[in-house]
C-alpha cells in the first residue's frame, strides 16, 4: 500500500486502517490497535511529495473470501488528533485458497 503526502506545510504523521484479519508483511511502519481497529503508521513523519509504503497480507483460508475495506488514510501532526484524508478509503476483494 502507498500513502503519499500530496501537500503539507511540514512533515506529518500518516496512518492507514488495516482490514480485520490482515497482517503487515513489511515496510517502515508500526501497528497499533485503537478501539478494536488496527492502524498501520509510518515510523517517521512524511513531508509533501513523500510516500510511505507498506505491504499487507490477506487471510488465505477459503472462509476468508470476502471484500475488505482499507482506510481511510489519516494524517496528523502531534498528539492523538487524526484527520481522515477524503477519498482514501478503498475496497479489495479476496478469494481464499484451500491448501
Protein backbone atom coordinates (compact mmCIF):
# COMPACT_ATOMS: atom_id res chain seq x y z
CA UNK A 1 0.00 0.00 0.00
CA UNK A 2 1.21 3.52 -0.76
CA UNK A 3 0.42 6.51 1.44
CA UNK A 4 1.55 9.69 -0.34
CA UNK A 5 1.56 13.12 1.27
CA UNK A 6 0.42 15.35 -1.59
CA UNK A 7 0.71 18.68 0.23
CA UNK A 8 1.61 19.79 3.73
CA UNK A 9 3.33 22.79 5.27
CA UNK A 10 5.70 20.44 7.12
CA UNK A 11 6.18 16.76 7.92
CA UNK A 12 3.06 14.96 9.12
CA UNK A 13 2.37 11.57 10.63
CA UNK A 14 0.36 9.24 8.39
CA UNK A 15 -1.52 6.05 9.09
CA UNK A 16 -3.98 3.68 7.44
CA UNK A 17 -6.61 1.32 8.86
CA UNK A 18 -5.93 -2.35 8.16
CA UNK A 19 -8.93 -4.63 7.49
CA UNK A 20 -9.80 -7.23 10.13
CA UNK A 21 -7.76 -10.40 9.76
CA UNK A 22 -4.97 -8.80 7.71
CA UNK A 23 -1.34 -8.51 8.82
CA UNK A 24 1.56 -6.24 7.91
CA UNK A 25 4.16 -8.14 5.90
CA UNK A 26 6.77 -5.36 5.58
CA UNK A 27 7.57 -1.70 5.33
CA UNK A 28 8.91 1.06 7.60
CA UNK A 29 5.74 1.01 9.69
CA UNK A 30 4.39 0.03 13.09
CA UNK A 31 0.94 -1.20 14.03
CA UNK A 32 -1.30 0.00 16.82
CA UNK A 33 -4.70 -1.20 17.98
CA UNK A 34 -7.20 1.57 18.72
CA UNK A 35 -10.77 0.74 19.77
CA UNK A 36 -10.55 -2.71 18.13
CA UNK A 37 -9.15 -1.42 14.81
CA UNK A 38 -5.57 -1.99 13.63
CA UNK A 39 -3.77 1.08 12.29
CA UNK A 40 -0.55 0.99 10.29
CA UNK A 41 1.55 4.09 10.91
CA UNK A 42 4.74 5.35 9.31
CA UNK A 43 7.83 5.05 11.51
CA UNK A 44 8.71 8.69 10.77
CA UNK A 45 6.76 11.79 9.68
CA UNK A 46 6.47 12.29 5.91
CA UNK A 47 6.86 15.58 4.04
CA UNK A 48 4.94 16.74 0.96
CA UNK A 49 5.80 14.52 -2.01
CA UNK A 50 6.98 11.60 0.13
CA UNK A 51 5.37 8.16 0.03
CA UNK A 52 5.18 5.64 2.85
CA UNK A 53 4.98 2.07 1.56
CA UNK A 54 3.83 -0.98 3.48
CA UNK A 55 2.86 -4.48 2.48
CA UNK A 56 -0.31 -6.12 3.80
CA UNK A 57 -1.09 -9.82 3.77
CA UNK A 58 -4.65 -11.03 3.36
CA UNK A 59 -6.06 -14.03 5.19
CA UNK A 60 -5.72 -17.06 2.92
CA UNK A 61 -8.33 -19.57 4.05
CA UNK A 62 -11.46 -20.34 2.00
CA UNK A 63 -13.54 -18.81 4.81
CA UNK A 64 -11.67 -15.51 4.26
CA UNK A 65 -13.24 -14.98 0.83
CA UNK A 66 -14.84 -11.56 1.17
CA UNK A 67 -14.48 -7.87 0.49
CA UNK A 68 -12.27 -5.85 2.82
CA UNK A 69 -12.02 -2.11 3.43
CA UNK A 70 -8.74 -0.23 3.97
CA UNK A 71 -8.65 3.27 5.33
CA UNK A 72 -9.41 5.98 5.09
CA UNK A 73 -5.81 7.12 5.44
CA UNK A 74 -5.31 9.68 8.18
CA UNK A 75 -2.76 12.36 8.96
CA UNK A 76 -1.81 14.39 11.99
CA UNK A 77 0.98 16.48 13.43
CA UNK A 78 1.43 15.92 17.16
CA UNK A 79 -0.64 14.27 19.83
CA UNK A 80 -3.57 11.96 19.25
CA UNK A 81 -5.64 14.07 16.85
CA UNK A 82 -6.04 12.41 13.43
CA UNK A 83 -7.81 13.76 10.34
CA UNK A 84 -9.23 11.42 7.68
CA UNK A 85 -7.98 12.20 4.16
CA UNK A 86 -11.01 12.39 1.86
CA UNK A 87 -11.23 9.79 -0.90
CA UNK A 88 -8.58 7.46 0.53
CA UNK A 89 -10.74 4.53 1.61
CA UNK A 90 -10.62 1.55 -0.72
CA UNK A 91 -12.17 -1.89 -1.00
CA UNK A 92 -10.31 -5.00 -2.10
CA UNK A 93 -11.69 -8.45 -2.86
CA UNK A 94 -10.06 -11.68 -1.67
CA UNK A 95 -10.71 -15.24 -2.72
CA UNK A 96 -9.26 -17.52 -0.03
CA UNK A 97 -7.26 -20.55 -1.10
CA UNK A 98 -7.58 -24.02 0.36
CA UNK A 99 -4.23 -25.69 0.97
